[in-house]
Amino acid sequence: MTGAAPGTAVAQPQQSTFDRVADRTAAIVLFVVAALAAATFRDYGLGWDDYTHAQYGELLLAFYRSGFTDTRAFSFVNLYMYGGGFDMAAALLAKILPIDLFETRRLVGATVGLIGLIVTWRLARRLGGAAAGLIALALLATCPIFYGHMFMNAKDAPFAVAMTILIVGLVRGCEEYPRIAPATAVIVALGFGLSIGSRVLGVLGGIYALVALVMMFALEAWTVGLRPAAKRLGRFVLVIIPVAVASYVIMGVVWPWSVLDPLNPFRALEYFSAFFEKPWRELFDGVALMVYDMPRTYLPTLLAFQLSELMIVLALLGTAGALVAVIRGTFPPGRRASLCVVLLAAYLPIIITIIERPALYNGIRHFLFLLPPLAVLGGLSGGWLLERASKFGRAALAICVAVLLAGFASPVVEMVRLHPYQYTHYNYIAGGIQSADSRFMLDYWGLSFKAAAQELHAKLAERKTTPPAGRPWKIAVCGPHPPAQVALGPDFAPTWDPKDADFALMLGEFYCAQFDAPVLAEIAREGVVYARVYDIRGRSVPGMFTLPPVR
């Protein structure tokens, strides 16, 4: 076993039996996740932004196919402010694979998520050994928020994976300083290029790198003197210049607008520094608040309520251990800087959010990139706990393993119950989704419309009911219209006006009204309604919204 105090890695010339078991178990976990994803990716409906992102991907491909003359992508809503690597890959693969575009997007999302699991495993293993790697992998794989989003979130899930790749590169760079191996250079370039090329928020990685570099320089200046430390720093800066160039090229490939003008990334930063949409209200702790009025407790509260209990406990223990390792002078500068990078990746965005209070909405989807470093910190503490337990004999080790397995089993059971709406998970601290339903947003992206449409089709087919002659069914939709249209098909025409509509498709969110009308389809999990379809033919119904909508 190679566990150690949280935040320390142990190198051994030969792999122990325990490490081999841990690595094989990790491989099994990855295989199981891959098999489940392959079997279930079609179950996931379209998110609110899915249709628009699919269009963006096609426009970006048109830009490249035209020899850079078709620039429609760079005036398409505001998506040119984001990178489109995911959207381009899905659009390209949809032309090759024997499945439709949106199923391809689900499959590509699952693949990107799997890559994120692998990278998280390797990062934790590098820092804390095989047991730490396995536990970090299991924590992230059984995190309902990460698992659910990886299938259908075209922006935030790929960004989280890209940031994790960058963290791996930065950790390796800290360990190799002042040199950098070719493989490390490639990882850093990919991490920076893909992260900033996904969301300009990837510039946070530059802060992580700068802090680590300053830390290593200061520690070396203290121990070996200012001049030798400065020479080593200069050598390192020269080495990373080509890495920076490669990062810029990668960023330009996945986010071509960013390199049309060198100032465009700064324009994107300025654009996203203020809320850029017409504001609306979302439910937080039972109160419908404007998204720019969310309290400072928004992000900490949702992290505490949506992550699994085991992940919260282990991440906090790992944070304490990593802080001790960074502060103590007994560890090499590279090791301390590596752990500092992971701590910054997990907590600096939280601190900035609490201080700055930006517009906050859609749960914690914009903060998925926090989950891999939190899982790594949890893996470090979990590996250390296993090591400590093993010193008390096999019985103590067995008890520790049993507790961990029980902790992993709890969110897995919830993920099965919620499928395919894992992203709506609330833990037992929050009282589960039954308690959260009246206090927070659940299916804010409308994934349940797919299942509701399928039930409606089945009900109409069972009754042999067909659309009126000369027109499709008119269906009032409270929720995202493009996903509803894709799910319903050409026989239905979505509308915002329930007057003279045949049916009403309503999300189970606080802003959608409930009708006193026959229910043709109902999608629910654990007693909580996610979506309903009402038969409102021949009925006069009130407006669809409990609050004025923002469309």
Protein backbone atom coordinates (compact mmCIF):
# COMPACT_ATOMS: atom_id res chain seq x y z
CA MET A 1 0.00 0.00 0.00
CA THR A 2 1.35 3.44 -0.85
CA GLY A 3 -0.92 5.71 1.17
CA ALA A 4 0.58 8.62 3.10
CA ALA A 5 -0.51 11.79 4.82
CA PRO A 6 -2.98 13.59 2.58
CA GLY A 7 -1.04 15.57 0.04
CA THR A 8 2.03 13.39 -0.13
CA ALA A 9 2.88 10.98 -2.90
CA VAL A 10 4.90 7.84 -2.29
CA ALA A 11 7.16 6.40 -4.93
CA GLN A 12 8.12 2.75 -4.65
CA PRO A 13 10.33 0.74 -6.96
CA GLN A 14 7.83 -2.09 -7.17
CA GLN A 15 4.08 -1.99 -7.09
CA SER A 16 2.55 -3.64 -4.04
CA THR A 17 -0.22 -6.21 -4.23
CA PHE A 18 -2.63 -3.62 -2.79
CA ASP A 19 -1.69 -1.13 -5.50
CA ARG A 20 -2.23 -3.70 -8.22
CA VAL A 21 -5.66 -4.49 -6.79
CA ALA A 22 -6.48 -0.76 -6.61
CA ASP A 23 -5.42 -0.18 -10.21
CA ARG A 24 -7.37 -3.19 -11.46
CA THR A 25 -10.42 -2.02 -9.53
CA ALA A 26 -10.06 1.42 -11.10
CA ALA A 27 -9.98 -0.20 -14.53
CA ILE A 28 -13.16 -2.09 -13.66
CA VAL A 29 -14.86 1.13 -12.51
CA LEU A 30 -13.96 2.81 -15.78
CA PHE A 31 -15.21 -0.17 -17.77
CA VAL A 32 -18.51 -0.19 -15.88
CA VAL A 33 -19.02 3.55 -16.43
CA ALA A 34 -18.20 3.17 -20.14
CA ALA A 35 -20.61 0.24 -20.49
CA LEU A 36 -23.40 2.08 -18.67
CA ALA A 37 -22.85 5.18 -20.79
CA ALA A 38 -22.95 3.14 -24.00
CA ALA A 39 -26.18 1.46 -22.90
CA THR A 40 -28.00 4.58 -21.67
CA PHE A 41 -26.77 7.67 -23.53
CA ARG A 42 -29.95 7.70 -25.64
CA ASP A 43 -32.06 8.12 -22.49
CA TYR A 44 -30.94 11.70 -21.96
CA GLY A 45 -33.07 14.46 -23.41
CA LEU A 46 -31.97 17.76 -24.85
CA GLY A 47 -30.88 20.57 -22.56
CA TRP A 48 -32.14 24.12 -22.96
CA ASP A 49 -29.11 25.17 -25.04
CA ASP A 50 -28.60 21.92 -26.96
CA TYR A 51 -30.30 22.88 -30.20
CA THR A 52 -28.51 26.22 -30.41
CA HIS A 53 -25.14 24.60 -29.71
CA ALA A 54 -25.78 22.06 -32.45
CA GLN A 55 -26.33 24.95 -34.86
CA TYR A 56 -23.13 26.62 -33.67
CA GLY A 57 -21.15 23.45 -34.36
CA GLU A 58 -22.42 23.32 -37.93
CA LEU A 59 -21.55 26.98 -38.48
CA LEU A 60 -18.02 26.43 -37.22
CA LEU A 61 -17.58 23.50 -39.57
CA ALA A 62 -18.87 25.71 -42.38
CA PHE A 63 -16.19 28.26 -41.46
CA TYR A 64 -13.44 25.67 -41.92
CA ARG A 65 -15.00 24.07 -45.01
CA SER A 66 -15.24 27.45 -46.73
CA GLY A 67 -11.56 28.18 -46.26
CA PHE A 68 -12.34 30.68 -43.47
CA THR A 69 -14.73 32.79 -45.59
CA ASP A 70 -18.07 31.73 -44.07
CA THR A 71 -18.08 33.77 -40.85
CA ARG A 72 -21.72 33.34 -39.80
CA ALA A 73 -20.58 31.59 -36.63
CA PHE A 74 -19.06 34.84 -35.37
CA SER A 75 -22.38 36.63 -35.21
CA PHE A 76 -24.49 33.67 -34.04
CA VAL A 77 -26.26 34.76 -30.83
CA ASN A 78 -23.47 35.01 -28.23
CA LEU A 79 -21.96 31.57 -28.72
CA TYR A 80 -18.92 32.90 -30.55
CA MET A 81 -17.86 34.16 -27.11
CA TYR A 82 -17.36 30.47 -26.24
CA GLY A 83 -15.23 27.85 -27.88
CA GLY A 84 -16.97 25.25 -29.99
CA GLY A 85 -14.67 22.24 -29.90
CA PHE A 86 -17.35 19.97 -28.46
CA ASP A 87 -19.98 21.21 -30.89
CA MET A 88 -17.69 20.77 -33.89
CA ALA A 89 -16.67 17.27 -32.85
CA ALA A 90 -20.29 16.21 -32.37
CA ALA A 91 -21.38 17.76 -35.67
CA LEU A 92 -18.55 16.04 -37.51
CA LEU A 93 -19.13 12.64 -35.89
CA ALA A 94 -22.87 12.87 -36.58
CA LYS A 95 -22.02 12.73 -40.27
CA ILE A 96 -20.14 9.48 -39.73
CA LEU A 97 -21.95 7.56 -36.98
CA PRO A 98 -25.20 5.67 -37.68
CA ILE A 99 -27.13 7.72 -35.08
CA ASP A 100 -28.71 11.15 -35.25
CA LEU A 101 -27.08 14.43 -34.26
CA PHE A 102 -28.50 14.71 -30.77
CA GLU A 103 -27.77 11.10 -29.88
CA THR A 104 -24.23 11.74 -31.14
CA ARG A 105 -23.99 14.74 -28.83
CA ARG A 106 -25.00 12.54 -25.88
CA LEU A 107 -22.40 9.93 -26.86
CA VAL A 108 -19.64 12.50 -27.31
CA GLY A 109 -20.54 13.99 -23.94
CA ALA A 110 -20.27 10.58 -22.30
CA THR A 111 -16.87 10.07 -23.93
CA VAL A 112 -15.59 13.44 -22.72
CA GLY A 113 -16.86 12.64 -19.23
CA LEU A 114 -15.05 9.31 -19.29
CA ILE A 115 -11.84 11.10 -20.25
CA GLY A 116 -12.39 13.36 -17.25
CA LEU A 117 -12.68 10.34 -14.98
CA ILE A 118 -9.45 8.88 -16.34
CA VAL A 119 -7.55 12.15 -15.95
CA THR A 120 -8.85 12.63 -12.39
CA TRP A 121 -7.78 9.09 -11.50
CA ARG A 122 -4.28 9.60 -12.88
CA LEU A 123 -3.91 12.96 -11.12
CA ALA A 124 -4.88 11.60 -7.71
CA ARG A 125 -2.75 8.51 -8.25
CA ARG A 126 0.25 10.67 -9.08
CA LEU A 127 -0.20 12.73 -5.93
CA GLY A 128 -1.23 10.05 -3.46
CA GLY A 129 -0.76 6.55 -4.83
CA ALA A 130 -3.03 3.86 -6.22
CA ALA A 131 -5.58 3.92 -3.39
CA ALA A 132 -5.94 7.70 -3.64
CA GLY A 133 -6.44 7.39 -7.39
CA LEU A 134 -9.12 4.73 -7.03
CA ILE A 135 -11.04 6.67 -4.38
CA ALA A 136 -10.88 9.93 -6.38
CA LEU A 137 -12.14 8.07 -9.44
CA ALA A 138 -14.98 6.48 -7.48
CA LEU A 139 -15.94 9.81 -5.89
CA LEU A 140 -16.26 11.51 -9.27
CA ALA A 141 -17.90 8.55 -11.01
CA THR A 142 -20.55 8.37 -8.26
CA CYS A 143 -21.07 12.14 -8.19
CA PRO A 144 -24.58 12.52 -9.66
CA ILE A 145 -23.96 16.12 -10.68
CA PHE A 146 -20.86 15.30 -12.73
CA TYR A 147 -22.29 12.07 -14.17
CA GLY A 148 -25.58 13.66 -15.18
CA HIS A 149 -24.03 16.73 -16.77
CA MET A 150 -21.42 14.86 -18.77
CA PHE A 151 -24.09 13.52 -21.12
CA MET A 152 -25.81 16.77 -22.02
CA ASN A 153 -23.78 19.82 -20.99
CA ALA A 154 -21.90 21.05 -24.05
CA LYS A 155 -20.07 23.89 -22.28
CA ASP A 156 -19.43 23.18 -18.64
CA ALA A 157 -18.60 19.46 -18.68
CA PRO A 158 -15.97 19.72 -21.47
CA PHE A 159 -14.54 22.79 -19.71
CA ALA A 160 -14.26 20.82 -16.45
CA VAL A 161 -12.37 18.04 -18.23
CA ALA A 162 -10.06 20.50 -19.99
CA MET A 163 -9.27 22.22 -16.68
CA THR A 164 -8.45 18.84 -15.12
CA ILE A 165 -6.06 18.08 -17.97
CA LEU A 166 -4.43 21.44 -17.30
CA ILE A 167 -4.09 20.66 -13.57
CA VAL A 168 -2.34 17.40 -14.43
CA GLY A 169 0.07 19.31 -16.64
CA LEU A 170 0.73 21.94 -13.97
CA VAL A 171 1.33 19.28 -11.32
CA ARG A 172 3.80 17.48 -13.57
CA GLY A 173 5.47 20.79 -14.39
CA CYS A 174 5.89 21.59 -10.68
CA GLU A 175 7.50 18.19 -10.09
CA GLU A 176 9.87 18.56 -13.06
CA TYR A 177 10.77 22.24 -12.51
CA PRO A 178 12.89 23.87 -13.89
CA ARG A 179 12.84 21.40 -16.76
CA ILE A 180 9.70 20.09 -18.40
CA ALA A 181 9.36 16.75 -20.15
CA PRO A 182 7.93 16.68 -23.70
CA ALA A 183 4.85 14.78 -22.49
CA THR A 184 4.26 17.40 -19.79
CA ALA A 185 4.62 20.20 -22.34
CA VAL A 186 1.96 18.57 -24.52
CA ILE A 187 -0.42 18.14 -21.56
CA VAL A 188 0.01 21.76 -20.44
CA ALA A 189 -0.53 23.05 -23.98
CA LEU A 190 -3.65 20.92 -24.40
CA GLY A 191 -4.95 21.94 -21.00
CA PHE A 192 -4.52 25.65 -21.53
CA GLY A 193 -5.65 25.60 -25.16
CA LEU A 194 -8.75 23.50 -24.58
CA SER A 195 -9.79 25.17 -21.32
CA ILE A 196 -9.57 28.77 -22.56
CA GLY A 197 -10.89 27.55 -25.91
CA SER A 198 -13.96 26.19 -24.12
CA ARG A 199 -14.65 29.09 -21.76
CA VAL A 200 -12.53 32.16 -21.30
CA LEU A 201 -12.76 31.41 -17.59
CA GLY A 202 -9.88 29.03 -18.31
CA VAL A 203 -7.58 32.00 -17.62
CA LEU A 204 -7.94 30.91 -13.99
CA GLY A 205 -5.42 28.21 -14.89
CA GLY A 206 -2.90 30.99 -15.48
CA ILE A 207 -3.44 32.16 -11.90
CA TYR A 208 -2.87 28.63 -10.60
CA ALA A 209 0.32 28.36 -12.64
CA LEU A 210 1.60 31.78 -11.59
CA VAL A 211 1.02 31.14 -7.89
CA ALA A 212 2.79 27.77 -8.13
CA LEU A 213 5.71 29.34 -9.99
CA VAL A 214 6.08 32.19 -7.48
CA MET A 215 5.88 29.69 -4.65
CA MET A 216 8.62 27.48 -6.06
CA PHE A 217 10.84 30.47 -6.79
CA ALA A 218 10.39 31.86 -3.27
CA LEU A 219 11.11 28.50 -1.65
CA GLU A 220 14.22 27.99 -3.75
CA ALA A 221 15.41 31.54 -3.14
CA TRP A 222 15.07 30.88 0.59
CA THR A 223 16.99 27.60 0.50
CA VAL A 224 19.64 27.99 -2.24
CA GLY A 225 19.82 31.75 -2.69
CA LEU A 226 18.25 34.37 -4.93
CA ARG A 227 20.68 34.17 -7.85
CA PRO A 228 20.53 30.35 -8.38
CA ALA A 229 16.74 30.48 -7.99
CA ALA A 230 16.50 33.28 -10.56
CA LYS A 231 18.64 31.33 -13.04
CA ARG A 232 16.40 28.27 -12.69
CA LEU A 233 13.30 30.44 -13.13
CA GLY A 234 14.73 32.01 -16.28
CA ARG A 235 15.51 28.58 -17.71
CA PHE A 236 11.94 27.49 -17.03
CA VAL A 237 10.43 30.61 -18.64
CA LEU A 238 12.40 29.94 -21.83
CA VAL A 239 11.14 26.36 -21.89
CA ILE A 240 7.47 27.32 -21.59
CA ILE A 241 7.48 29.89 -24.43
CA PRO A 242 6.82 27.22 -27.11
CA VAL A 243 4.23 25.69 -24.80
CA ALA A 244 2.41 29.03 -24.70
CA VAL A 245 2.51 29.26 -28.50
CA ALA A 246 1.10 25.74 -28.84
CA SER A 247 -1.66 26.60 -26.35
CA TYR A 248 -2.62 29.62 -28.41
CA VAL A 249 -2.82 27.54 -31.58
CA ILE A 250 -5.02 24.91 -29.90
CA MET A 251 -7.25 27.65 -28.50
CA GLY A 252 -7.59 29.11 -31.98
CA VAL A 253 -8.61 25.80 -33.51
CA VAL A 254 -11.48 25.19 -31.08
CA TRP A 255 -12.36 28.88 -30.66
CA PRO A 256 -11.51 30.54 -33.98
CA TRP A 257 -13.13 33.87 -33.07
CA SER A 258 -10.53 34.26 -30.31
CA VAL A 259 -7.66 34.60 -32.81
CA LEU A 260 -9.39 36.75 -35.42
CA ASP A 261 -8.32 39.65 -33.26
CA PRO A 262 -5.80 39.31 -30.39
CA LEU A 263 -8.12 41.39 -28.21
CA ASN A 264 -11.13 39.10 -28.66
CA PRO A 265 -10.42 36.96 -25.56
CA PHE A 266 -10.30 40.18 -23.52
CA ARG A 267 -13.59 41.25 -25.09
CA ALA A 268 -15.08 37.93 -24.02
CA LEU A 269 -13.78 38.47 -20.48
CA GLU A 270 -15.37 41.90 -20.42
CA TYR A 271 -18.62 40.54 -21.85
CA PHE A 272 -18.92 37.82 -19.22
CA SER A 273 -17.82 40.08 -16.36
CA ALA A 274 -21.36 41.50 -16.32
CA PHE A 275 -24.63 39.64 -16.67
CA PHE A 276 -25.30 39.47 -20.39
CA GLU A 277 -28.92 38.29 -20.64
CA LYS A 278 -32.32 39.62 -19.74
CA PRO A 279 -32.62 38.62 -16.08
CA TRP A 280 -35.12 36.17 -14.68
CA ARG A 281 -35.98 34.60 -11.34
CA GLU A 282 -34.84 31.24 -10.07
CA LEU A 283 -35.74 29.43 -6.88
CA PHE A 284 -33.15 29.42 -4.11
CA ASP A 285 -33.98 28.25 -0.60
CA GLY A 286 -37.69 28.63 -1.27
CA VAL A 287 -37.53 32.19 -2.60
CA ALA A 288 -37.76 33.23 -6.25
CA LEU A 289 -34.79 35.59 -6.64
CA MET A 290 -33.43 37.49 -9.60
CA VAL A 291 -30.32 35.70 -10.79
CA TYR A 292 -28.15 38.74 -10.06
CA ASP A 293 -29.48 38.90 -6.47
CA MET A 294 -28.42 35.44 -5.33
CA PRO A 295 -26.80 35.47 -1.86
CA ARG A 296 -23.12 34.84 -1.22
CA THR A 297 -24.12 31.47 0.24
CA TYR A 298 -25.45 30.25 -3.13
CA LEU A 299 -22.47 28.20 -4.25
CA PRO A 300 -21.39 26.80 -0.85
CA THR A 301 -25.00 25.84 -0.11
CA LEU A 302 -25.53 23.98 -3.37
CA LEU A 303 -22.18 22.21 -3.11
CA ALA A 304 -23.14 21.08 0.40
CA PHE A 305 -26.59 19.95 -0.79
CA GLN A 306 -25.77 18.36 -4.15
CA LEU A 307 -22.49 16.51 -3.63
CA SER A 308 -22.53 13.11 -1.96
CA GLU A 309 -21.95 13.08 1.78
CA LEU A 310 -18.83 10.94 1.39
CA MET A 311 -17.33 13.32 -1.17
CA ILE A 312 -17.93 16.29 1.12
CA VAL A 313 -16.31 14.62 4.14
CA LEU A 314 -13.30 13.24 2.28
CA ALA A 315 -12.74 16.47 0.34
CA LEU A 316 -12.71 18.51 3.55
CA LEU A 317 -10.29 16.08 5.19
CA GLY A 318 -8.11 16.14 2.09
CA THR A 319 -8.18 19.93 2.08
CA ALA A 320 -6.93 20.05 5.66
CA GLY A 321 -4.20 17.52 4.91
CA ALA A 322 -3.10 19.29 1.72
CA LEU A 323 -2.95 22.64 3.54
CA VAL A 324 -0.71 21.10 6.20
CA ALA A 325 1.52 19.60 3.49
CA VAL A 326 1.80 22.97 1.70
CA ILE A 327 2.63 24.87 4.87
CA ARG A 328 5.08 22.37 6.37
CA GLY A 329 8.67 22.87 5.32
CA THR A 330 9.47 19.16 5.20
CA PHE A 331 8.13 18.61 1.70
CA PRO A 332 9.99 19.47 -1.53
CA PRO A 333 8.99 22.73 -3.25
CA GLY A 334 7.56 20.89 -6.25
CA ARG A 335 5.30 18.78 -4.05
CA ARG A 336 4.05 21.76 -2.10
CA ALA A 337 3.42 23.73 -5.28
CA SER A 338 1.55 20.78 -6.83
CA LEU A 339 -0.82 20.58 -3.90
CA CYS A 340 -1.23 24.34 -3.96
CA VAL A 341 -2.42 24.06 -7.57
CA VAL A 342 -5.07 21.49 -6.60
CA LEU A 343 -6.23 23.58 -3.64
CA LEU A 344 -6.48 26.69 -5.80
CA ALA A 345 -8.41 24.78 -8.47
CA ALA A 346 -10.90 23.57 -5.85
CA TYR A 347 -11.37 26.74 -3.80
CA LEU A 348 -10.24 29.93 -5.54
CA PRO A 349 -13.35 30.06 -7.80
CA ILE A 350 -15.55 29.61 -4.71
CA ILE A 351 -13.79 32.47 -2.93
CA ILE A 352 -14.04 34.75 -5.97
CA THR A 353 -17.75 33.94 -6.36
CA ILE A 354 -18.49 34.68 -2.71
CA ILE A 355 -16.64 38.01 -2.89
CA GLU A 356 -17.83 39.19 -6.30
CA ARG A 357 -21.43 37.85 -6.25
CA PRO A 358 -21.88 37.43 -10.01
CA ALA A 359 -25.22 36.43 -11.50
CA LEU A 360 -25.81 32.82 -10.45
CA TYR A 361 -28.30 30.39 -11.92
CA ASN A 362 -28.83 26.79 -13.08
CA GLY A 363 -27.53 25.23 -9.90
CA ILE A 364 -23.80 24.55 -9.95
CA ARG A 365 -23.48 23.64 -13.61
CA HIS A 366 -21.10 26.55 -14.23
CA PHE A 367 -18.85 25.18 -11.47
CA LEU A 368 -18.48 21.58 -12.59
CA PHE A 369 -14.75 22.23 -12.96
CA LEU A 370 -14.51 22.28 -9.15
CA LEU A 371 -15.58 18.66 -8.85
CA PRO A 372 -12.44 16.87 -10.19
CA PRO A 373 -10.02 18.71 -7.84
CA LEU A 374 -12.41 18.16 -4.93
CA ALA A 375 -12.49 14.46 -5.83
CA VAL A 376 -8.67 14.43 -5.91
CA LEU A 377 -8.52 15.96 -2.43
CA GLY A 378 -11.04 13.36 -1.30
CA GLY A 379 -8.92 10.63 -2.85
CA LEU A 380 -5.83 11.82 -0.99
CA SER A 381 -7.59 11.69 2.37
CA GLY A 382 -9.28 8.37 1.56
CA GLY A 383 -5.95 6.79 0.63
CA TRP A 384 -4.42 8.08 3.85
CA LEU A 385 -7.31 6.68 5.92
CA LEU A 386 -6.87 3.26 4.32
CA GLU A 387 -3.16 3.38 5.08
CA ARG A 388 -3.80 4.27 8.71
CA ALA A 389 -6.45 1.58 9.06
CA SER A 390 -4.10 -1.07 7.66
CA LYS A 391 -1.67 -0.41 10.50
CA PHE A 392 -4.31 -1.64 12.94
CA GLY A 393 -4.78 -4.95 11.16
CA ARG A 394 -7.02 -6.51 8.57
CA ALA A 395 -10.19 -6.06 10.61
CA ALA A 396 -9.72 -2.29 10.83
CA LEU A 397 -8.91 -2.14 7.13
CA ALA A 398 -12.03 -4.16 6.30
CA ILE A 399 -14.18 -1.81 8.39
CA CYS A 400 -12.69 1.22 6.63
CA VAL A 401 -13.31 -0.33 3.21
CA ALA A 402 -16.89 -1.21 4.20
CA VAL A 403 -17.58 2.36 5.30
CA LEU A 404 -16.21 3.69 2.02
CA LEU A 405 -18.29 1.23 0.01
CA ALA A 406 -21.42 2.25 1.91
CA GLY A 407 -20.59 5.89 1.19
CA PHE A 408 -20.24 5.15 -2.51
CA ALA A 409 -23.40 3.04 -2.60
CA SER A 410 -25.64 5.84 -1.32
CA PRO A 411 -25.29 8.19 -4.33
CA VAL A 412 -25.28 5.23 -6.72
CA VAL A 413 -28.72 4.19 -5.45
CA GLU A 414 -29.96 7.75 -5.96
CA MET A 415 -28.45 7.88 -9.46
CA VAL A 416 -30.37 4.74 -10.40
CA ARG A 417 -33.60 6.14 -8.99
CA LEU A 418 -33.18 9.48 -10.74
CA HIS A 419 -31.99 8.15 -14.11
CA PRO A 420 -31.69 9.93 -16.50
CA TYR A 421 -31.98 13.05 -14.35
CA GLN A 422 -28.96 12.53 -12.13
CA TYR A 423 -28.04 16.18 -12.46
CA THR A 424 -31.07 17.07 -10.30
CA HIS A 425 -29.69 15.17 -7.30
CA TYR A 426 -29.93 16.56 -3.76
CA ASN A 427 -28.34 14.64 -0.92
CA TYR A 428 -29.70 13.61 2.48
CA ILE A 429 -28.34 16.79 4.06
CA ALA A 430 -30.79 18.70 1.86
CA GLY A 431 -33.55 16.15 2.48
CA GLY A 432 -33.37 14.64 -1.00
CA ILE A 433 -35.27 15.89 -4.02
CA GLN A 434 -38.57 15.71 -2.10
CA SER A 435 -37.42 18.50 0.19
CA ALA A 436 -35.44 20.33 -2.48
CA ASP A 437 -38.40 20.49 -4.89
CA SER A 438 -40.04 23.36 -3.03
CA ARG A 439 -36.75 25.15 -2.34
CA PHE A 440 -34.50 24.79 -5.38
CA MET A 441 -34.56 24.22 -9.12
CA LEU A 442 -34.48 20.58 -10.23
CA ASP A 443 -34.96 19.91 -13.97
CA TYR A 444 -34.12 23.47 -14.98
CA TRP A 445 -32.86 22.28 -18.38
CA GLY A 446 -36.01 20.41 -19.30
CA LEU A 447 -34.50 16.96 -19.89
CA SER A 448 -37.80 15.37 -18.88
CA PHE A 449 -39.49 16.69 -22.02
CA LYS A 450 -38.12 13.72 -23.96
CA ALA A 451 -39.79 11.13 -21.73
CA ALA A 452 -42.97 13.22 -21.54
CA ALA A 453 -43.15 13.39 -25.34
CA GLN A 454 -42.62 9.64 -25.59
CA GLU A 455 -45.46 9.00 -23.14
CA LEU A 456 -47.72 11.41 -25.01
CA HIS A 457 -47.00 9.65 -28.33
CA ALA A 458 -47.70 6.28 -26.72
CA LYS A 459 -50.99 7.51 -25.21
CA LEU A 460 -52.22 8.99 -28.51
CA ALA A 461 -51.21 5.85 -30.41
CA GLU A 462 -53.03 3.69 -27.86
CA ARG A 463 -56.17 5.75 -28.35
CA LYS A 464 -55.59 5.91 -32.13
CA THR A 465 -55.85 9.68 -31.96
CA THR A 466 -54.49 11.67 -34.89
CA PRO A 467 -53.97 15.41 -35.42
CA PRO A 468 -56.85 17.48 -36.75
CA ALA A 469 -57.08 17.58 -40.53
CA GLY A 470 -54.82 20.13 -42.14
CA ARG A 471 -52.73 21.06 -39.12
CA PRO A 472 -50.40 19.59 -36.48
CA TRP A 473 -51.31 19.37 -32.83
CA LYS A 474 -50.94 22.72 -31.10
CA ILE A 475 -49.13 22.28 -27.78
CA ALA A 476 -48.44 25.01 -25.25
CA VAL A 477 -44.99 24.53 -23.75
CA CYS A 478 -43.73 25.95 -20.46
CA GLY A 479 -40.03 25.33 -20.82
CA PRO A 480 -37.44 25.16 -23.60
CA HIS A 481 -39.17 25.05 -26.99
CA PRO A 482 -36.46 23.68 -29.32
CA PRO A 483 -35.88 20.56 -27.18
CA ALA A 484 -39.64 20.12 -26.95
CA GLN A 485 -39.99 20.37 -30.73
CA VAL A 486 -37.24 17.79 -31.29
CA ALA A 487 -38.81 15.42 -28.77
CA LEU A 488 -42.38 15.87 -30.02
CA GLY A 489 -41.67 15.67 -33.74
CA PRO A 490 -43.37 17.26 -36.76
CA ASP A 491 -46.92 16.40 -35.69
CA PHE A 492 -46.73 19.06 -32.95
CA ALA A 493 -46.37 22.83 -33.08
CA PRO A 494 -45.14 24.32 -29.79
CA THR A 495 -46.53 27.68 -28.73
CA TRP A 496 -46.27 30.03 -25.77
CA ASP A 497 -50.02 30.73 -25.87
CA PRO A 498 -52.36 28.09 -24.41
CA LYS A 499 -55.38 29.63 -26.11
CA ASP A 500 -56.91 27.10 -28.52
CA ALA A 501 -54.03 24.68 -27.81
CA ASP A 502 -54.75 20.95 -27.79
CA PHE A 503 -52.21 20.01 -25.12
CA ALA A 504 -49.91 21.65 -22.61
CA LEU A 505 -46.40 20.39 -21.85
CA MET A 506 -45.27 21.79 -18.51
CA LEU A 507 -42.07 21.51 -16.54
CA GLY A 508 -42.54 20.80 -12.85
CA GLU A 509 -40.75 24.01 -11.92
CA PHE A 510 -42.13 26.81 -9.79
CA TYR A 511 -42.73 29.15 -12.74
CA CYS A 512 -45.00 26.70 -14.62
CA ALA A 513 -48.68 26.64 -13.71
CA GLN A 514 -50.60 23.46 -12.88
CA PHE A 515 -53.88 22.93 -14.72
CA ASP A 516 -57.14 21.35 -13.64
CA ALA A 517 -57.20 19.20 -16.75
CA PRO A 518 -56.70 15.51 -17.63
CA VAL A 519 -53.06 14.43 -17.38
CA LEU A 520 -51.93 12.39 -20.39
CA ALA A 521 -48.30 11.95 -19.29
CA GLU A 522 -46.40 12.50 -16.08
CA ILE A 523 -42.68 12.14 -15.49
CA ALA A 524 -41.78 11.83 -11.83
CA ARG A 525 -38.95 10.62 -9.63
CA GLU A 526 -39.36 9.74 -5.96
CA GLY A 527 -42.76 11.41 -5.89
CA VAL A 528 -41.52 14.66 -7.47
CA VAL A 529 -43.08 15.68 -10.79
CA TYR A 530 -40.56 16.73 -13.43
CA ALA A 531 -42.99 17.24 -16.32
CA ARG A 532 -46.66 16.80 -17.21
CA VAL A 533 -48.69 16.79 -20.39
CA TYR A 534 -52.27 18.02 -20.03
CA ASP A 535 -55.16 17.51 -22.43
CA ILE A 536 -56.66 20.99 -22.67
CA ARG A 537 -58.81 20.48 -25.78
CA GLY A 538 -62.06 22.40 -25.41
CA ARG A 539 -60.94 23.91 -22.11
CA SER A 540 -60.25 27.45 -21.09
CA VAL A 541 -57.09 27.41 -19.02
CA PRO A 542 -55.26 30.26 -17.29
CA GLY A 543 -51.82 31.43 -18.40
CA MET A 544 -48.98 28.93 -18.34
CA PHE A 545 -46.75 30.90 -15.98
CA THR A 546 -46.85 31.76 -12.31
CA LEU A 547 -44.31 34.50 -13.07
CA PRO A 548 -43.83 36.55 -16.25
CA PRO A 549 -41.56 34.49 -18.50
CA VAL A 550 -38.26 35.42 -20.03
CA ARG A 551 -38.07 33.73 -23.43
